[in-house]
Amino acid sequence: MRELIETIVKPLVAHPESVRIETAETDRLITYRLFVHKDDMGKVIGKQGRVAKAIRTVTFAGVSTHQQKRTVIEIVDK
C-alpha cells in the first residue's frame, strides 16, 4: 500500500524526494503518515481536500477489504 500511495503522490509534488511514508499498525488500525515538503502540502491536500480524500478512498478500498482493518492517512509537512 505504501508503494501505491507514493505512486499517487510523487507526480503531484514539486519535491518528490521529500515524500516519505511511515506505517503504524495495531490489531484494528493501520496508520500511514505521509510526509511531504511544506511547499507541497496544498498540492497533496487539493482544493477542499479532494486529493487527500481520493488517496484515503483508494487506501481504504485496498486494505479494509483484505484485512478488515480501518485505515488512516495523516499528511504531515517536514
N, C-alpha and C. Protein backbone atom coordinates (compact mmCIF):
# COMPACT_ATOMS: atom_id res chain seq x y z
N MET A 1 0.82 -1.19 0.00
CA MET A 1 0.00 0.00 0.00
C MET A 1 0.87 1.26 0.00
N ARG A 2 2.01 1.18 0.68
CA ARG A 2 2.92 2.33 0.71
C ARG A 2 3.35 2.72 -0.70
N GLU A 3 3.65 1.72 -1.53
CA GLU A 3 4.07 1.99 -2.89
C GLU A 3 2.96 2.66 -3.69
N LEU A 4 1.72 2.24 -3.46
CA LEU A 4 0.59 2.84 -4.15
C LEU A 4 0.43 4.31 -3.76
N ILE A 5 0.55 4.61 -2.49
CA ILE A 5 0.45 6.00 -2.04
C ILE A 5 1.57 6.84 -2.65
N GLU A 6 2.79 6.31 -2.65
CA GLU A 6 3.91 7.03 -3.26
C GLU A 6 3.68 7.25 -4.75
N THR A 7 3.14 6.25 -5.43
CA THR A 7 2.87 6.37 -6.86
C THR A 7 1.85 7.45 -7.15
N ILE A 8 0.89 7.63 -6.27
CA ILE A 8 -0.11 8.67 -6.45
C ILE A 8 0.46 10.04 -6.11
N VAL A 9 1.24 10.15 -5.04
CA VAL A 9 1.66 11.44 -4.52
C VAL A 9 2.85 12.03 -5.27
N LYS A 10 3.85 11.24 -5.58
CA LYS A 10 5.09 11.78 -6.16
C LYS A 10 4.89 12.59 -7.43
N PRO A 11 4.04 12.19 -8.37
CA PRO A 11 3.85 13.04 -9.56
C PRO A 11 3.15 14.38 -9.27
N LEU A 12 2.49 14.48 -8.13
CA LEU A 12 1.76 15.70 -7.80
C LEU A 12 2.65 16.80 -7.21
N VAL A 13 3.76 16.43 -6.62
CA VAL A 13 4.55 17.36 -5.83
C VAL A 13 5.76 17.89 -6.59
N ALA A 14 6.26 19.04 -6.13
CA ALA A 14 7.46 19.64 -6.73
C ALA A 14 8.74 19.05 -6.13
N HIS A 15 8.63 18.45 -4.94
CA HIS A 15 9.79 17.86 -4.26
C HIS A 15 9.53 16.38 -3.98
N PRO A 16 9.57 15.52 -5.01
CA PRO A 16 9.27 14.09 -4.80
C PRO A 16 10.28 13.38 -3.90
N GLU A 17 11.49 13.94 -3.80
CA GLU A 17 12.49 13.32 -2.94
C GLU A 17 12.14 13.48 -1.46
N SER A 18 11.25 14.39 -1.15
CA SER A 18 10.86 14.63 0.23
C SER A 18 9.69 13.75 0.68
N VAL A 19 9.09 13.02 -0.24
CA VAL A 19 7.95 12.17 0.11
C VAL A 19 8.44 10.95 0.88
N ARG A 20 7.84 10.75 2.04
CA ARG A 20 8.20 9.60 2.88
C ARG A 20 6.94 9.11 3.58
N ILE A 21 6.84 7.82 3.77
CA ILE A 21 5.66 7.24 4.42
C ILE A 21 6.12 6.35 5.56
N GLU A 22 5.51 6.56 6.73
CA GLU A 22 5.73 5.69 7.88
C GLU A 22 4.43 4.96 8.17
N THR A 23 4.54 3.72 8.59
CA THR A 23 3.36 2.91 8.86
C THR A 23 3.36 2.45 10.31
N ALA A 24 2.19 2.56 10.93
CA ALA A 24 1.99 2.03 12.28
C ALA A 24 0.73 1.17 12.23
N GLU A 25 0.82 -0.04 12.79
CA GLU A 25 -0.30 -0.97 12.69
C GLU A 25 -0.65 -1.55 14.05
N THR A 26 -1.94 -1.61 14.32
CA THR A 26 -2.46 -2.28 15.51
C THR A 26 -3.41 -3.38 15.02
N ASP A 27 -4.08 -4.03 15.96
CA ASP A 27 -4.97 -5.11 15.55
C ASP A 27 -6.20 -4.62 14.79
N ARG A 28 -6.57 -3.34 14.94
CA ARG A 28 -7.76 -2.82 14.26
C ARG A 28 -7.47 -1.66 13.30
N LEU A 29 -6.27 -1.13 13.31
CA LEU A 29 -6.00 0.12 12.62
C LEU A 29 -4.63 0.10 11.93
N ILE A 30 -4.59 0.65 10.73
CA ILE A 30 -3.33 0.89 10.03
C ILE A 30 -3.23 2.39 9.79
N THR A 31 -2.15 3.00 10.28
CA THR A 31 -1.95 4.43 10.12
C THR A 31 -0.76 4.66 9.19
N TYR A 32 -1.00 5.43 8.14
CA TYR A 32 0.06 5.83 7.22
C TYR A 32 0.31 7.31 7.46
N ARG A 33 1.54 7.66 7.83
CA ARG A 33 1.92 9.07 7.98
C ARG A 33 2.68 9.46 6.73
N LEU A 34 2.09 10.35 5.97
CA LEU A 34 2.66 10.80 4.71
C LEU A 34 3.37 12.13 4.94
N PHE A 35 4.67 12.11 4.81
CA PHE A 35 5.49 13.32 4.99
C PHE A 35 5.79 13.91 3.62
N VAL A 36 5.49 15.19 3.45
CA VAL A 36 5.79 15.90 2.21
C VAL A 36 6.46 17.23 2.56
N HIS A 37 7.11 17.82 1.59
CA HIS A 37 7.72 19.14 1.76
C HIS A 37 6.62 20.15 2.07
N LYS A 38 6.91 21.12 2.90
CA LYS A 38 5.88 22.08 3.32
C LYS A 38 5.30 22.86 2.14
N ASP A 39 6.08 23.06 1.08
CA ASP A 39 5.57 23.76 -0.10
C ASP A 39 4.57 22.92 -0.90
N ASP A 40 4.57 21.61 -0.69
CA ASP A 40 3.71 20.70 -1.44
C ASP A 40 2.43 20.31 -0.70
N MET A 41 2.24 20.82 0.50
CA MET A 41 1.05 20.44 1.28
C MET A 41 -0.24 20.74 0.53
N GLY A 42 -0.34 21.90 -0.07
CA GLY A 42 -1.55 22.28 -0.79
C GLY A 42 -1.84 21.38 -1.98
N LYS A 43 -0.79 20.93 -2.65
CA LYS A 43 -0.96 20.05 -3.80
C LYS A 43 -1.47 18.68 -3.37
N VAL A 44 -0.99 18.19 -2.25
CA VAL A 44 -1.39 16.87 -1.77
C VAL A 44 -2.79 16.90 -1.18
N ILE A 45 -3.13 17.99 -0.52
CA ILE A 45 -4.47 18.10 0.05
C ILE A 45 -5.49 18.43 -1.04
N GLY A 46 -5.15 19.32 -1.94
CA GLY A 46 -6.05 19.68 -3.03
C GLY A 46 -7.12 20.66 -2.60
N LYS A 47 -7.85 21.17 -3.57
CA LYS A 47 -8.93 22.11 -3.28
C LYS A 47 -10.02 21.39 -2.50
N GLN A 48 -10.38 21.96 -1.38
CA GLN A 48 -11.40 21.41 -0.49
C GLN A 48 -11.09 19.97 -0.06
N GLY A 49 -9.80 19.60 -0.08
CA GLY A 49 -9.38 18.29 0.38
C GLY A 49 -9.68 17.15 -0.57
N ARG A 50 -9.93 17.45 -1.83
CA ARG A 50 -10.33 16.41 -2.77
C ARG A 50 -9.23 15.40 -3.06
N VAL A 51 -7.99 15.84 -3.21
CA VAL A 51 -6.90 14.91 -3.49
C VAL A 51 -6.66 14.01 -2.28
N ALA A 52 -6.63 14.59 -1.09
CA ALA A 52 -6.44 13.80 0.13
C ALA A 52 -7.57 12.79 0.29
N LYS A 53 -8.78 13.19 0.00
CA LYS A 53 -9.92 12.28 0.11
C LYS A 53 -9.79 11.13 -0.89
N ALA A 54 -9.34 11.43 -2.10
CA ALA A 54 -9.15 10.38 -3.10
C ALA A 54 -8.09 9.38 -2.67
N ILE A 55 -7.00 9.88 -2.11
CA ILE A 55 -5.94 8.99 -1.62
C ILE A 55 -6.48 8.11 -0.50
N ARG A 56 -7.24 8.69 0.41
CA ARG A 56 -7.82 7.91 1.52
C ARG A 56 -8.81 6.87 0.99
N THR A 57 -9.59 7.22 -0.02
CA THR A 57 -10.55 6.27 -0.58
C THR A 57 -9.85 5.07 -1.20
N VAL A 58 -8.81 5.33 -1.97
CA VAL A 58 -8.05 4.23 -2.59
C VAL A 58 -7.43 3.34 -1.52
N THR A 59 -6.86 3.95 -0.50
CA THR A 59 -6.24 3.19 0.58
C THR A 59 -7.27 2.36 1.33
N PHE A 60 -8.40 2.97 1.63
CA PHE A 60 -9.46 2.27 2.35
C PHE A 60 -9.95 1.07 1.56
N ALA A 61 -10.16 1.24 0.26
CA ALA A 61 -10.65 0.15 -0.58
C ALA A 61 -9.63 -0.98 -0.68
N GLY A 62 -8.36 -0.64 -0.73
CA GLY A 62 -7.33 -1.67 -0.89
C GLY A 62 -7.05 -2.46 0.36
N VAL A 63 -7.12 -1.85 1.51
CA VAL A 63 -6.73 -2.52 2.75
C VAL A 63 -7.92 -3.15 3.47
N SER A 64 -8.97 -2.40 3.64
CA SER A 64 -10.06 -2.86 4.50
C SER A 64 -10.76 -4.09 3.95
N THR A 65 -10.79 -4.26 2.64
CA THR A 65 -11.45 -5.43 2.09
C THR A 65 -10.64 -6.70 2.33
N HIS A 66 -9.34 -6.56 2.46
CA HIS A 66 -8.48 -7.72 2.63
C HIS A 66 -8.22 -8.04 4.10
N GLN A 67 -8.08 -7.03 4.94
CA GLN A 67 -7.61 -7.27 6.30
C GLN A 67 -8.62 -6.90 7.38
N GLN A 68 -9.77 -6.38 7.00
CA GLN A 68 -10.79 -5.98 7.99
C GLN A 68 -10.23 -4.99 9.01
N LYS A 69 -9.42 -4.05 8.54
CA LYS A 69 -8.84 -3.03 9.41
C LYS A 69 -9.20 -1.65 8.88
N ARG A 70 -9.31 -0.73 9.78
CA ARG A 70 -9.56 0.67 9.42
C ARG A 70 -8.23 1.30 9.06
N THR A 71 -8.24 2.17 8.06
CA THR A 71 -7.01 2.86 7.66
C THR A 71 -7.14 4.36 7.89
N VAL A 72 -6.02 4.97 8.24
CA VAL A 72 -5.94 6.40 8.46
C VAL A 72 -4.70 6.91 7.74
N ILE A 73 -4.86 8.03 7.02
CA ILE A 73 -3.70 8.67 6.41
C ILE A 73 -3.55 10.05 7.02
N GLU A 74 -2.40 10.31 7.60
CA GLU A 74 -2.08 11.62 8.17
C GLU A 74 -1.07 12.28 7.23
N ILE A 75 -1.37 13.48 6.80
CA ILE A 75 -0.47 14.22 5.93
C ILE A 75 0.29 15.24 6.78
N VAL A 76 1.62 15.13 6.79
CA VAL A 76 2.46 15.93 7.66
C VAL A 76 3.52 16.62 6.82
N ASP A 77 3.83 17.90 7.13
CA ASP A 77 4.92 18.57 6.42
C ASP A 77 6.23 18.37 7.18
N LYS A 78 7.31 18.39 6.43
CA LYS A 78 8.63 18.19 7.02
C LYS A 78 9.16 19.49 7.56
